Amino acid sequence: MSAVYIAELSVPPRGASTQGREDGRWVAYRIAVARKREPQNRPEREISLLFDLFVLNQHIRRLVAAGLAGAPLRGDEYAVYGLLFEQGPLTATDMTRRLGMPLSTLLDYLRTMGARGHLRRRPHPRDGRAQHLGLTVQGVTAHQETNAYWESMRERLEAALPMRPDDVRRALQALDDAALAALKSLDERAATG
């Protein structure tokens, strides 16, 4: 049995037009067919969005711990290594912004990576106070060995989704943007007393 999902696209398709719209926005819809899931009588799914995120976080933590059992890196470490692998070299400030974590927490990760011989530090080419951080050969090796575990877990998770992974990622990114906006609003309110 399958179900039809209709989603508003967040990126205009090739040739999209804004003609006839007063606000100049385009609107396009994509229709996707996905496996129909049997309705579940789960009253906890009716509490709130933030509660759903709390529960999801618990499930993802368990999934990552189980999926990376036996891997050289834990899931949180793999994320830090992965950022440097994909986008490095970076400064610590760049890393905190991209990872969404406080500098003190990142410095703990960097200390551990340095002690393992996985972190390369070089002077920043334009800022004498900053350092460019990257992975050493040993750091890349640990990342790649963990990646085999990660990919197996990712494939299982994506195969169980009732919609395209790209659609889920866009929704998560929109949720992240909303969380940052709400956090900024709370910070501004706290600053004004």
N, C-alpha and C. Protein backbone atom coordinates (compact mmCIF):
# COMPACT_ATOMS: atom_id res chain seq x y z
N MET A 1 0.86 -1.17 0.00
CA MET A 1 0.00 0.00 0.00
C MET A 1 0.91 1.23 0.00
N SER A 2 0.54 2.27 -0.70
CA SER A 2 1.35 3.49 -0.73
C SER A 2 0.49 4.70 -0.47
N ALA A 3 1.16 5.78 -0.10
CA ALA A 3 0.47 7.03 0.19
C ALA A 3 1.09 8.13 -0.65
N VAL A 4 0.33 9.19 -0.89
CA VAL A 4 0.83 10.31 -1.67
C VAL A 4 1.15 11.45 -0.72
N TYR A 5 2.35 11.99 -0.85
CA TYR A 5 2.76 13.14 -0.06
C TYR A 5 2.93 14.32 -1.00
N ILE A 6 2.45 15.47 -0.59
CA ILE A 6 2.61 16.68 -1.38
C ILE A 6 3.44 17.63 -0.55
N ALA A 7 4.54 18.11 -1.12
CA ALA A 7 5.44 18.99 -0.39
C ALA A 7 5.72 20.24 -1.20
N GLU A 8 5.72 21.40 -0.53
CA GLU A 8 6.09 22.63 -1.20
C GLU A 8 7.61 22.63 -1.32
N LEU A 9 8.12 22.88 -2.51
CA LEU A 9 9.55 22.88 -2.73
C LEU A 9 10.17 24.16 -2.19
N SER A 10 11.39 24.05 -1.63
CA SER A 10 12.04 25.23 -1.08
C SER A 10 13.04 25.82 -2.07
N VAL A 11 13.34 25.13 -3.13
CA VAL A 11 14.27 25.61 -4.14
C VAL A 11 13.54 25.60 -5.47
N PRO A 12 13.56 26.73 -6.20
CA PRO A 12 12.79 26.75 -7.45
C PRO A 12 13.33 25.75 -8.46
N PRO A 13 12.45 24.99 -9.10
CA PRO A 13 12.90 24.09 -10.15
C PRO A 13 13.31 24.90 -11.38
N ARG A 14 14.07 24.29 -12.25
CA ARG A 14 14.50 24.94 -13.48
C ARG A 14 13.29 25.47 -14.23
N GLY A 15 13.32 26.74 -14.61
CA GLY A 15 12.24 27.33 -15.38
C GLY A 15 11.05 27.79 -14.57
N ALA A 16 11.16 27.80 -13.22
CA ALA A 16 10.04 28.24 -12.39
C ALA A 16 9.78 29.72 -12.63
N SER A 17 8.53 30.10 -12.60
CA SER A 17 8.14 31.48 -12.90
C SER A 17 7.44 32.09 -11.70
N THR A 18 7.62 33.41 -11.53
CA THR A 18 6.92 34.14 -10.47
C THR A 18 5.80 34.99 -11.06
N GLN A 19 5.55 34.88 -12.36
CA GLN A 19 4.51 35.69 -13.00
C GLN A 19 3.15 35.37 -12.39
N GLY A 20 2.35 36.45 -12.24
CA GLY A 20 1.01 36.28 -11.72
C GLY A 20 0.94 36.24 -10.20
N ARG A 21 2.09 36.38 -9.55
CA ARG A 21 2.11 36.38 -8.09
C ARG A 21 2.40 37.80 -7.62
N GLU A 22 1.55 38.34 -6.76
CA GLU A 22 1.75 39.69 -6.26
C GLU A 22 3.01 39.80 -5.42
N ASP A 23 3.32 38.76 -4.65
CA ASP A 23 4.48 38.83 -3.76
C ASP A 23 5.79 38.46 -4.47
N GLY A 24 5.74 38.11 -5.75
CA GLY A 24 6.95 37.76 -6.50
C GLY A 24 7.51 36.40 -6.17
N ARG A 25 6.82 35.62 -5.33
CA ARG A 25 7.31 34.29 -4.96
C ARG A 25 6.79 33.26 -5.94
N TRP A 26 7.52 32.25 -6.10
CA TRP A 26 7.06 31.13 -6.91
C TRP A 26 6.56 30.05 -5.96
N VAL A 27 5.67 29.24 -6.43
CA VAL A 27 5.22 28.10 -5.65
C VAL A 27 5.17 26.91 -6.59
N ALA A 28 5.76 25.84 -6.17
CA ALA A 28 5.73 24.60 -6.94
C ALA A 28 5.56 23.46 -5.95
N TYR A 29 4.93 22.42 -6.38
CA TYR A 29 4.70 21.28 -5.51
C TYR A 29 5.24 20.03 -6.19
N ARG A 30 5.74 19.15 -5.36
CA ARG A 30 6.23 17.87 -5.83
C ARG A 30 5.35 16.80 -5.21
N ILE A 31 4.96 15.85 -6.00
CA ILE A 31 4.15 14.75 -5.48
C ILE A 31 5.05 13.52 -5.42
N ALA A 32 5.10 12.91 -4.25
CA ALA A 32 5.93 11.73 -4.06
C ALA A 32 5.05 10.60 -3.54
N VAL A 33 5.37 9.42 -3.96
CA VAL A 33 4.65 8.25 -3.47
C VAL A 33 5.58 7.52 -2.53
N ALA A 34 5.09 7.21 -1.35
CA ALA A 34 5.90 6.53 -0.35
C ALA A 34 5.09 5.39 0.26
N ARG A 35 5.81 4.48 0.92
CA ARG A 35 5.14 3.38 1.61
C ARG A 35 4.18 3.94 2.65
N LYS A 36 2.99 3.40 2.68
CA LYS A 36 2.03 3.84 3.69
C LYS A 36 2.35 3.13 5.00
N ARG A 37 2.40 3.90 6.04
CA ARG A 37 2.64 3.34 7.37
C ARG A 37 1.30 3.16 8.06
N GLU A 38 1.18 2.07 8.75
CA GLU A 38 -0.04 1.86 9.51
C GLU A 38 -0.12 2.90 10.63
N PRO A 39 -1.29 3.47 10.85
CA PRO A 39 -1.40 4.45 11.94
C PRO A 39 -1.06 3.80 13.27
N GLN A 40 -0.33 4.53 14.07
CA GLN A 40 0.07 4.01 15.37
C GLN A 40 -0.65 4.79 16.44
N ASN A 41 -1.14 4.08 17.42
CA ASN A 41 -1.78 4.73 18.54
C ASN A 41 -0.69 5.09 19.54
N ARG A 42 -0.05 6.23 19.32
CA ARG A 42 1.05 6.67 20.18
C ARG A 42 0.72 8.07 20.69
N PRO A 43 0.07 8.15 21.83
CA PRO A 43 -0.37 9.44 22.34
C PRO A 43 0.79 10.42 22.61
N GLU A 44 1.98 9.92 22.86
CA GLU A 44 3.12 10.83 23.11
C GLU A 44 3.46 11.66 21.88
N ARG A 45 3.00 11.23 20.72
CA ARG A 45 3.26 12.00 19.50
C ARG A 45 2.31 13.18 19.35
N GLU A 46 1.44 13.38 20.31
CA GLU A 46 0.49 14.48 20.28
C GLU A 46 0.85 15.59 21.27
N ILE A 47 2.01 15.51 21.92
CA ILE A 47 2.34 16.46 22.99
C ILE A 47 2.80 17.80 22.42
N SER A 48 3.94 17.82 21.72
CA SER A 48 4.45 19.08 21.15
C SER A 48 5.64 18.81 20.25
N LEU A 49 5.98 19.78 19.43
CA LEU A 49 7.14 19.67 18.55
C LEU A 49 8.42 19.48 19.37
N LEU A 50 8.58 20.27 20.43
CA LEU A 50 9.81 20.14 21.23
C LEU A 50 9.88 18.79 21.92
N PHE A 51 8.76 18.25 22.34
CA PHE A 51 8.76 16.91 22.93
C PHE A 51 9.17 15.88 21.88
N ASP A 52 8.63 16.02 20.66
CA ASP A 52 9.01 15.12 19.57
C ASP A 52 10.52 15.16 19.34
N LEU A 53 11.10 16.36 19.39
CA LEU A 53 12.55 16.49 19.18
C LEU A 53 13.33 15.83 20.31
N PHE A 54 12.85 15.95 21.53
CA PHE A 54 13.49 15.29 22.66
C PHE A 54 13.51 13.78 22.45
N VAL A 55 12.35 13.23 22.09
CA VAL A 55 12.25 11.78 21.88
C VAL A 55 13.13 11.35 20.70
N LEU A 56 13.08 12.12 19.60
CA LEU A 56 13.91 11.81 18.45
C LEU A 56 15.39 11.80 18.84
N ASN A 57 15.81 12.78 19.63
CA ASN A 57 17.19 12.84 20.07
C ASN A 57 17.58 11.56 20.83
N GLN A 58 16.68 11.07 21.69
CA GLN A 58 16.97 9.83 22.42
C GLN A 58 17.15 8.65 21.46
N HIS A 59 16.27 8.57 20.47
CA HIS A 59 16.36 7.46 19.51
C HIS A 59 17.61 7.56 18.65
N ILE A 60 17.93 8.77 18.21
CA ILE A 60 19.12 8.94 17.37
C ILE A 60 20.39 8.63 18.16
N ARG A 61 20.44 9.05 19.41
CA ARG A 61 21.62 8.74 20.24
C ARG A 61 21.81 7.24 20.35
N ARG A 62 20.70 6.50 20.58
CA ARG A 62 20.79 5.04 20.67
C ARG A 62 21.20 4.43 19.34
N LEU A 63 20.63 4.94 18.25
CA LEU A 63 20.98 4.44 16.92
C LEU A 63 22.46 4.65 16.63
N VAL A 64 22.96 5.84 16.89
CA VAL A 64 24.37 6.14 16.61
C VAL A 64 25.28 5.30 17.49
N ALA A 65 24.95 5.15 18.77
CA ALA A 65 25.78 4.33 19.66
C ALA A 65 25.82 2.88 19.17
N ALA A 66 24.66 2.34 18.77
CA ALA A 66 24.62 0.96 18.29
C ALA A 66 25.31 0.84 16.94
N GLY A 67 25.08 1.80 16.05
CA GLY A 67 25.66 1.75 14.72
C GLY A 67 27.17 1.89 14.70
N LEU A 68 27.71 2.62 15.68
CA LEU A 68 29.16 2.84 15.73
C LEU A 68 29.86 1.96 16.76
N ALA A 69 29.14 0.99 17.31
CA ALA A 69 29.78 0.07 18.27
C ALA A 69 30.95 -0.63 17.57
N GLY A 70 32.12 -0.51 18.15
CA GLY A 70 33.32 -1.11 17.56
C GLY A 70 34.10 -0.19 16.64
N ALA A 71 33.55 0.97 16.32
CA ALA A 71 34.23 1.94 15.45
C ALA A 71 35.29 2.70 16.26
N PRO A 72 36.29 3.26 15.59
CA PRO A 72 37.32 4.01 16.30
C PRO A 72 36.81 5.28 16.98
N LEU A 73 35.75 5.89 16.45
CA LEU A 73 35.24 7.15 16.98
C LEU A 73 33.79 7.00 17.42
N ARG A 74 33.40 7.77 18.44
CA ARG A 74 31.99 7.88 18.83
C ARG A 74 31.30 8.80 17.83
N GLY A 75 29.97 8.82 17.87
CA GLY A 75 29.20 9.64 16.94
C GLY A 75 29.49 11.12 17.05
N ASP A 76 29.60 11.64 18.28
CA ASP A 76 29.89 13.06 18.45
C ASP A 76 31.29 13.39 17.94
N GLU A 77 32.24 12.49 18.17
CA GLU A 77 33.59 12.70 17.66
C GLU A 77 33.61 12.65 16.13
N TYR A 78 32.85 11.70 15.58
CA TYR A 78 32.80 11.57 14.12
C TYR A 78 32.29 12.85 13.47
N ALA A 79 31.33 13.52 14.10
CA ALA A 79 30.80 14.77 13.56
C ALA A 79 31.89 15.84 13.51
N VAL A 80 32.70 15.95 14.57
CA VAL A 80 33.77 16.95 14.61
C VAL A 80 34.84 16.61 13.57
N TYR A 81 35.26 15.35 13.52
CA TYR A 81 36.23 14.92 12.52
C TYR A 81 35.67 15.13 11.11
N GLY A 82 34.38 14.80 10.94
CA GLY A 82 33.76 14.93 9.63
C GLY A 82 33.74 16.36 9.12
N LEU A 83 33.51 17.31 10.02
CA LEU A 83 33.53 18.72 9.61
C LEU A 83 34.91 19.09 9.09
N LEU A 84 35.95 18.70 9.81
CA LEU A 84 37.32 19.01 9.35
C LEU A 84 37.66 18.26 8.08
N PHE A 85 37.18 17.02 7.96
CA PHE A 85 37.45 16.23 6.75
C PHE A 85 36.78 16.87 5.54
N GLU A 86 35.51 17.28 5.69
CA GLU A 86 34.75 17.82 4.56
C GLU A 86 35.07 19.28 4.25
N GLN A 87 35.33 20.10 5.28
CA GLN A 87 35.42 21.54 5.06
C GLN A 87 36.69 22.18 5.60
N GLY A 88 37.58 21.39 6.19
CA GLY A 88 38.80 21.94 6.78
C GLY A 88 39.80 22.40 5.74
N PRO A 89 40.78 23.17 6.15
CA PRO A 89 41.03 23.59 7.53
C PRO A 89 40.09 24.72 7.94
N LEU A 90 39.81 24.75 9.25
CA LEU A 90 38.92 25.76 9.82
C LEU A 90 39.51 26.29 11.12
N THR A 91 39.07 27.46 11.53
CA THR A 91 39.43 27.96 12.85
C THR A 91 38.46 27.37 13.87
N ALA A 92 38.82 27.44 15.13
CA ALA A 92 37.93 26.95 16.19
C ALA A 92 36.62 27.73 16.18
N THR A 93 36.68 29.03 15.91
CA THR A 93 35.47 29.85 15.86
C THR A 93 34.55 29.39 14.73
N ASP A 94 35.12 29.12 13.56
CA ASP A 94 34.32 28.60 12.45
C ASP A 94 33.66 27.27 12.83
N MET A 95 34.42 26.43 13.51
CA MET A 95 33.90 25.12 13.89
C MET A 95 32.74 25.23 14.87
N THR A 96 32.86 26.12 15.87
CA THR A 96 31.77 26.24 16.84
C THR A 96 30.49 26.69 16.16
N ARG A 97 30.60 27.61 15.22
CA ARG A 97 29.42 28.09 14.51
C ARG A 97 28.79 26.98 13.68
N ARG A 98 29.60 26.23 12.97
CA ARG A 98 29.07 25.18 12.08
C ARG A 98 28.54 23.97 12.85
N LEU A 99 29.14 23.69 14.01
CA LEU A 99 28.70 22.54 14.81
C LEU A 99 27.60 22.91 15.80
N GLY A 100 27.40 24.21 16.03
CA GLY A 100 26.38 24.64 16.97
C GLY A 100 26.73 24.33 18.41
N MET A 101 28.02 24.33 18.74
CA MET A 101 28.42 24.01 20.10
C MET A 101 29.26 25.13 20.70
N PRO A 102 29.28 25.23 22.02
CA PRO A 102 30.10 26.25 22.67
C PRO A 102 31.59 26.00 22.45
N LEU A 103 32.36 27.07 22.49
CA LEU A 103 33.80 26.97 22.29
C LEU A 103 34.44 26.05 23.32
N SER A 104 34.00 26.13 24.58
CA SER A 104 34.62 25.29 25.63
C SER A 104 34.43 23.80 25.31
N THR A 105 33.27 23.43 24.78
CA THR A 105 33.02 22.03 24.41
C THR A 105 33.90 21.62 23.24
N LEU A 106 34.00 22.50 22.24
CA LEU A 106 34.86 22.19 21.10
C LEU A 106 36.31 22.03 21.54
N LEU A 107 36.78 22.89 22.43
CA LEU A 107 38.17 22.79 22.89
C LEU A 107 38.45 21.45 23.56
N ASP A 108 37.45 20.88 24.25
CA ASP A 108 37.62 19.54 24.82
C ASP A 108 37.84 18.50 23.72
N TYR A 109 37.05 18.59 22.65
CA TYR A 109 37.24 17.67 21.52
C TYR A 109 38.62 17.86 20.91
N LEU A 110 39.02 19.11 20.70
CA LEU A 110 40.31 19.37 20.07
C LEU A 110 41.46 18.86 20.93
N ARG A 111 41.35 18.98 22.26
CA ARG A 111 42.38 18.46 23.16
C ARG A 111 42.52 16.95 22.99
N THR A 112 41.38 16.27 22.96
CA THR A 112 41.40 14.81 22.79
C THR A 112 41.99 14.43 21.43
N MET A 113 41.58 15.14 20.39
CA MET A 113 42.11 14.86 19.05
C MET A 113 43.62 15.09 19.01
N GLY A 114 44.08 16.15 19.65
CA GLY A 114 45.52 16.43 19.69
C GLY A 114 46.29 15.35 20.42
N ALA A 115 45.74 14.88 21.56
CA ALA A 115 46.40 13.82 22.33
C ALA A 115 46.50 12.52 21.53
N ARG A 116 45.55 12.29 20.64
CA ARG A 116 45.57 11.08 19.80
C ARG A 116 46.50 11.24 18.59
N GLY A 117 46.97 12.46 18.36
CA GLY A 117 47.78 12.70 17.16
C GLY A 117 46.93 12.87 15.91
N HIS A 118 45.66 13.24 16.08
CA HIS A 118 44.72 13.36 14.96
C HIS A 118 44.50 14.79 14.49
N LEU A 119 45.06 15.78 15.19
CA LEU A 119 44.79 17.18 14.89
C LEU A 119 46.05 17.89 14.41
N ARG A 120 45.94 18.58 13.29
CA ARG A 120 47.02 19.39 12.74
C ARG A 120 46.67 20.85 12.96
N ARG A 121 47.62 21.59 13.50
CA ARG A 121 47.44 23.03 13.74
C ARG A 121 48.47 23.79 12.90
N ARG A 122 47.98 24.79 12.18
CA ARG A 122 48.86 25.64 11.38
C ARG A 122 48.46 27.09 11.61
N PRO A 123 49.39 28.02 11.49
CA PRO A 123 49.02 29.44 11.64
C PRO A 123 48.01 29.85 10.56
N HIS A 124 47.05 30.67 10.96
CA HIS A 124 46.07 31.19 10.01
C HIS A 124 46.80 32.16 9.09
N PRO A 125 46.57 32.11 7.78
CA PRO A 125 47.32 32.95 6.85
C PRO A 125 47.04 34.45 6.98
N ARG A 126 45.87 34.84 7.53
CA ARG A 126 45.53 36.27 7.62
C ARG A 126 45.34 36.76 9.05
N ASP A 127 45.18 35.87 9.99
CA ASP A 127 44.94 36.26 11.38
C ASP A 127 45.99 35.59 12.26
N GLY A 128 46.95 36.38 12.71
CA GLY A 128 48.06 35.84 13.50
C GLY A 128 47.63 35.23 14.83
N ARG A 129 46.44 35.58 15.33
CA ARG A 129 45.98 35.03 16.60
C ARG A 129 45.29 33.68 16.43
N ALA A 130 44.81 33.39 15.23
CA ALA A 130 44.02 32.17 15.00
C ALA A 130 44.88 31.06 14.42
N GLN A 131 44.37 29.86 14.52
CA GLN A 131 45.02 28.69 13.92
C GLN A 131 44.06 28.02 12.96
N HIS A 132 44.62 27.49 11.89
CA HIS A 132 43.85 26.64 10.98
C HIS A 132 43.98 25.22 11.49
N LEU A 133 42.85 24.57 11.69
CA LEU A 133 42.83 23.21 12.23
C LEU A 133 42.43 22.23 11.13
N GLY A 134 43.09 21.10 11.11
CA GLY A 134 42.79 20.05 10.14
C GLY A 134 43.13 18.69 10.73
N LEU A 135 42.86 17.67 9.97
CA LEU A 135 43.16 16.31 10.42
C LEU A 135 44.54 15.88 9.93
N THR A 136 45.24 15.14 10.77
CA THR A 136 46.49 14.51 10.36
C THR A 136 46.13 13.25 9.56
N VAL A 137 47.13 12.58 9.04
CA VAL A 137 46.90 11.32 8.33
C VAL A 137 46.22 10.32 9.26
N GLN A 138 46.66 10.28 10.52
CA GLN A 138 46.05 9.36 11.49
C GLN A 138 44.60 9.76 11.76
N GLY A 139 44.31 11.05 11.78
CA GLY A 139 42.94 11.52 11.97
C GLY A 139 42.04 11.16 10.81
N VAL A 140 42.57 11.30 9.59
CA VAL A 140 41.80 10.91 8.40
C VAL A 140 41.53 9.41 8.43
N THR A 141 42.51 8.63 8.84
CA THR A 141 42.34 7.17 8.91
C THR A 141 41.23 6.81 9.90
N ALA A 142 41.24 7.43 11.09
CA ALA A 142 40.19 7.16 12.09
C ALA A 142 38.82 7.56 11.53
N HIS A 143 38.77 8.69 10.84
CA HIS A 143 37.51 9.14 10.24
C HIS A 143 37.03 8.14 9.20
N GLN A 144 37.91 7.71 8.32
CA GLN A 144 37.52 6.79 7.24
C GLN A 144 37.10 5.43 7.79
N GLU A 145 37.79 4.94 8.83
CA GLU A 145 37.40 3.65 9.41
C GLU A 145 36.02 3.75 10.05
N THR A 146 35.74 4.86 10.70
CA THR A 146 34.43 5.06 11.32
C THR A 146 33.36 5.26 10.24
N ASN A 147 33.75 5.85 9.12
CA ASN A 147 32.80 6.12 8.05
C ASN A 147 32.13 4.84 7.54
N ALA A 148 32.85 3.74 7.53
CA ALA A 148 32.25 2.47 7.08
C ALA A 148 31.06 2.10 7.97
N TYR A 149 31.20 2.26 9.27
CA TYR A 149 30.11 2.01 10.21
C TYR A 149 28.98 3.02 9.99
N TRP A 150 29.37 4.29 9.82
CA TRP A 150 28.42 5.39 9.66
C TRP A 150 27.54 5.18 8.43
N GLU A 151 28.16 4.82 7.32
CA GLU A 151 27.41 4.66 6.07
C GLU A 151 26.41 3.51 6.16
N SER A 152 26.79 2.44 6.82
CA SER A 152 25.86 1.32 7.00
C SER A 152 24.64 1.77 7.80
N MET A 153 24.89 2.53 8.86
CA MET A 153 23.80 3.04 9.71
C MET A 153 22.94 4.03 8.92
N ARG A 154 23.58 4.93 8.18
CA ARG A 154 22.86 5.94 7.39
C ARG A 154 21.95 5.26 6.37
N GLU A 155 22.45 4.25 5.68
CA GLU A 155 21.66 3.55 4.67
C GLU A 155 20.42 2.90 5.29
N ARG A 156 20.57 2.30 6.47
CA ARG A 156 19.43 1.67 7.14
C ARG A 156 18.39 2.72 7.53
N LEU A 157 18.86 3.85 8.07
CA LEU A 157 17.94 4.91 8.47
C LEU A 157 17.19 5.47 7.27
N GLU A 158 17.91 5.79 6.21
CA GLU A 158 17.27 6.37 5.03
C GLU A 158 16.31 5.40 4.36
N ALA A 159 16.64 4.11 4.39
CA ALA A 159 15.74 3.12 3.79
C ALA A 159 14.41 3.03 4.54
N ALA A 160 14.42 3.37 5.82
CA ALA A 160 13.21 3.30 6.63
C ALA A 160 12.36 4.57 6.55
N LEU A 161 12.86 5.61 5.89
CA LEU A 161 12.11 6.86 5.78
C LEU A 161 10.93 6.73 4.83
N PRO A 162 9.79 7.36 5.15
CA PRO A 162 8.66 7.33 4.24
C PRO A 162 8.71 8.43 3.18
N MET A 163 9.80 9.18 3.12
CA MET A 163 9.96 10.25 2.14
C MET A 163 11.44 10.36 1.77
N ARG A 164 11.73 11.20 0.80
CA ARG A 164 13.11 11.35 0.32
C ARG A 164 13.99 11.96 1.41
N PRO A 165 15.22 11.45 1.59
CA PRO A 165 16.14 12.02 2.58
C PRO A 165 16.39 13.51 2.38
N ASP A 166 16.45 13.97 1.13
CA ASP A 166 16.67 15.41 0.89
C ASP A 166 15.54 16.25 1.46
N ASP A 167 14.31 15.76 1.39
CA ASP A 167 13.17 16.49 1.95
C ASP A 167 13.28 16.56 3.47
N VAL A 168 13.70 15.47 4.08
CA VAL A 168 13.88 15.45 5.53
C VAL A 168 14.99 16.42 5.92
N ARG A 169 16.08 16.42 5.17
CA ARG A 169 17.19 17.33 5.50
C ARG A 169 16.77 18.78 5.38
N ARG A 170 16.01 19.13 4.36
CA ARG A 170 15.53 20.51 4.22
C ARG A 170 14.64 20.90 5.40
N ALA A 171 13.78 19.97 5.82
CA ALA A 171 12.92 20.26 6.98
C ALA A 171 13.77 20.43 8.25
N LEU A 172 14.78 19.60 8.43
CA LEU A 172 15.65 19.74 9.60
C LEU A 172 16.43 21.06 9.56
N GLN A 173 16.88 21.45 8.39
CA GLN A 173 17.60 22.72 8.26
C GLN A 173 16.67 23.90 8.55
N ALA A 174 15.42 23.82 8.12
CA ALA A 174 14.45 24.87 8.44
C ALA A 174 14.18 24.90 9.94
N LEU A 175 14.12 23.75 10.56
CA LEU A 175 13.94 23.68 12.01
C LEU A 175 15.14 24.26 12.74
N ASP A 176 16.34 23.99 12.24
CA ASP A 176 17.55 24.57 12.82
C ASP A 176 17.52 26.09 12.72
N ASP A 177 17.13 26.61 11.56
CA ASP A 177 17.01 28.06 11.38
C ASP A 177 16.01 28.65 12.38
N ALA A 178 14.89 27.97 12.55
CA ALA A 178 13.87 28.44 13.49
C ALA A 178 14.39 28.41 14.93
N ALA A 179 15.13 27.36 15.28
CA ALA A 179 15.70 27.26 16.63
C ALA A 179 16.68 28.41 16.88
N LEU A 180 17.51 28.72 15.89
CA LEU A 180 18.46 29.83 16.03
C LEU A 180 17.73 31.17 16.17
N ALA A 181 16.66 31.36 15.41
CA ALA A 181 15.88 32.60 15.51
C ALA A 181 15.22 32.71 16.89
N ALA A 182 14.67 31.62 17.39
CA ALA A 182 14.05 31.64 18.71
C ALA A 182 15.09 31.89 19.80
N LEU A 183 16.26 31.27 19.65
CA LEU A 183 17.35 31.49 20.61
C LEU A 183 17.81 32.93 20.60
N LYS A 184 17.92 33.53 19.43
CA LYS A 184 18.31 34.92 19.32
C LYS A 184 17.29 35.81 20.02
N SER A 185 16.02 35.52 19.82
CA SER A 185 14.95 36.30 20.44
C SER A 185 15.03 36.19 21.97
N LEU A 186 15.27 34.99 22.48
CA LEU A 186 15.39 34.80 23.93
C LEU A 186 16.62 35.52 24.47
N ASP A 187 17.73 35.46 23.73
CA ASP A 187 18.95 36.17 24.15
C ASP A 187 18.72 37.67 24.20
N GLU A 188 18.03 38.20 23.19
CA GLU A 188 17.74 39.64 23.16
C GLU A 188 16.83 40.04 24.31
N ARG A 189 15.84 39.21 24.61
CA ARG A 189 14.94 39.50 25.72
C ARG A 189 15.70 39.49 27.05
N ALA A 190 16.61 38.53 27.21
CA ALA A 190 17.40 38.44 28.45
C ALA A 190 18.34 39.64 28.58
N ALA A 191 18.86 40.14 27.46
CA ALA A 191 19.79 41.27 27.47
C ALA A 191 19.08 42.57 27.85
N THR A 192 17.81 42.68 27.49
CA THR A 192 17.07 43.91 27.81
C THR A 192 16.42 43.83 29.19
N GLY A 193 16.50 42.67 29.81
CA GLY A 193 16.02 42.52 31.19
C GLY A 193 14.59 42.34 31.27
